[in-house]
Amino acid sequence: MARLTSEFRVKALLRRVHDSGGSAMVLARGDATSGAILVVTLDRGRNPRFHERGLGTAGLVVSGPADADESAASEYWQRRRRSDPDLWVVELDIADGERFAAETIASD
């Protein structure tokens, strides 16, 4: 069974968020075919939360520090990226960003 590529999922996520009036950007490009996707959700530029696709049927899972400020959030994803250069890092600034991510990158 063919699977959607990571690049396709990221582009779809960006498009959905922009079409809904939010802001979305790729902070780091990963492997186009099968790179993991780390999503940083913000609410009006604050309160960064990290989510990524879980294995199997886990859907979207919370990862990273829970109460990070901007510099700690940046430090976290950059450290992850150093250990996994295939990792995509996508920032979403929209209300209910976790829902957008779950519906777009966690579904098959």
Protein backbone atom coordinates (compact mmCIF):
# COMPACT_ATOMS: atom_id res chain seq x y z
CA MET A 1 0.00 0.00 0.00
CA ALA A 2 1.40 3.40 -0.98
CA ARG A 3 1.85 5.95 1.80
CA LEU A 4 1.85 9.71 1.66
CA THR A 5 5.32 11.21 1.80
CA SER A 6 6.44 13.44 4.64
CA GLU A 7 6.82 16.36 2.26
CA PHE A 8 3.24 15.92 1.01
CA ARG A 9 1.92 15.83 4.60
CA VAL A 10 3.87 18.97 5.55
CA LYS A 11 2.68 20.88 2.47
CA ALA A 12 -0.92 19.87 3.19
CA LEU A 13 -0.58 21.00 6.80
CA LEU A 14 0.85 24.38 5.78
CA ARG A 15 -1.91 24.91 3.25
CA ARG A 16 -4.69 24.01 5.73
CA VAL A 17 -3.35 26.34 8.42
CA HIS A 18 -2.85 29.24 5.99
CA ASP A 19 -6.32 28.72 4.50
CA SER A 20 -7.76 28.95 8.04
CA GLY A 21 -6.03 32.27 8.76
CA GLY A 22 -3.14 30.94 10.79
CA SER A 23 0.59 31.10 10.37
CA ALA A 24 2.67 28.05 9.49
CA MET A 25 6.28 27.63 8.45
CA VAL A 26 8.90 24.96 8.01
CA LEU A 27 11.73 25.54 10.46
CA ALA A 28 13.75 22.59 9.13
CA ARG A 29 13.28 20.39 6.06
CA GLY A 30 13.71 16.68 6.58
CA ASP A 31 13.73 13.67 4.32
CA ALA A 32 11.09 14.23 1.64
CA THR A 33 9.90 10.63 1.61
CA SER A 34 9.95 9.31 5.14
CA GLY A 35 11.28 11.91 7.57
CA ALA A 36 9.58 12.18 10.95
CA ILE A 37 7.57 15.38 11.50
CA LEU A 38 7.85 17.40 14.71
CA VAL A 39 5.15 20.06 15.04
CA VAL A 40 5.57 23.07 17.32
CA THR A 41 2.17 24.59 18.10
CA LEU A 42 1.84 28.13 19.37
CA ASP A 43 -1.11 30.22 20.48
CA ARG A 44 -0.52 33.81 19.36
CA GLY A 45 3.23 33.29 19.46
CA ARG A 46 3.27 31.86 22.97
CA ASN A 47 3.14 28.61 24.87
CA PRO A 48 5.06 26.26 22.52
CA ARG A 49 3.94 22.64 22.57
CA PHE A 50 5.49 19.76 20.66
CA HIS A 51 3.63 16.97 18.88
CA GLU A 52 4.66 14.25 16.50
CA ARG A 53 3.21 11.29 14.72
CA GLY A 54 3.12 8.19 16.90
CA LEU A 55 3.88 4.69 15.73
CA GLY A 56 1.10 2.39 14.62
CA THR A 57 -2.31 3.66 15.63
CA ALA A 58 -1.04 6.07 18.29
CA GLY A 59 -1.98 9.13 16.21
CA LEU A 60 -0.42 12.36 17.38
CA VAL A 61 1.65 12.19 20.57
CA VAL A 62 2.95 14.94 22.83
CA SER A 63 6.72 15.24 22.97
CA GLY A 64 9.32 17.68 24.23
CA PRO A 65 9.30 19.98 27.23
CA ALA A 66 5.85 20.90 28.56
CA ASP A 67 6.56 24.42 29.82
CA ALA A 68 9.27 25.68 27.49
CA ASP A 69 9.94 29.32 26.76
CA GLU A 70 10.94 30.39 23.24
CA SER A 71 14.65 29.72 23.68
CA ALA A 72 14.13 26.33 25.35
CA ALA A 73 11.71 25.34 22.58
CA SER A 74 14.22 26.32 19.91
CA GLU A 75 16.99 24.50 21.73
CA TYR A 76 14.85 21.34 21.96
CA TRP A 77 14.00 21.06 18.27
CA GLN A 78 17.52 21.96 17.20
CA ARG A 79 18.93 19.22 19.45
CA ARG A 80 16.43 16.75 17.99
CA ARG A 81 17.42 17.84 14.49
CA ARG A 82 21.14 17.30 15.20
CA SER A 83 20.42 13.70 16.22
CA ASP A 84 17.97 13.14 13.31
CA PRO A 85 18.81 15.20 10.19
CA ASP A 86 15.81 13.64 8.39
CA LEU A 87 13.42 15.31 10.87
CA TRP A 88 10.98 17.95 9.63
CA VAL A 89 10.21 20.75 12.09
CA VAL A 90 7.02 22.70 11.41
CA GLU A 91 5.71 25.64 13.45
CA LEU A 92 1.98 26.37 13.59
CA ASP A 93 0.52 29.51 15.15
CA ILE A 94 -3.22 29.00 15.13
CA ALA A 95 -5.88 28.19 17.69
CA ASP A 96 -6.21 24.42 18.07
CA GLY A 97 -3.02 23.73 16.13
CA GLU A 98 -2.84 20.24 17.57
CA ARG A 99 -6.12 19.38 15.81
CA PHE A 100 -4.76 20.58 12.46
CA ALA A 101 -1.64 18.49 12.93
CA ALA A 102 -3.55 15.39 14.02
CA GLU A 103 -5.97 15.57 11.10
CA THR A 104 -3.22 16.14 8.54
CA ILE A 105 -0.08 14.28 9.54
CA ALA A 106 -1.33 11.55 11.88
CA SER A 107 -3.95 10.03 9.62
CA ASP A 108 -3.22 7.49 6.90
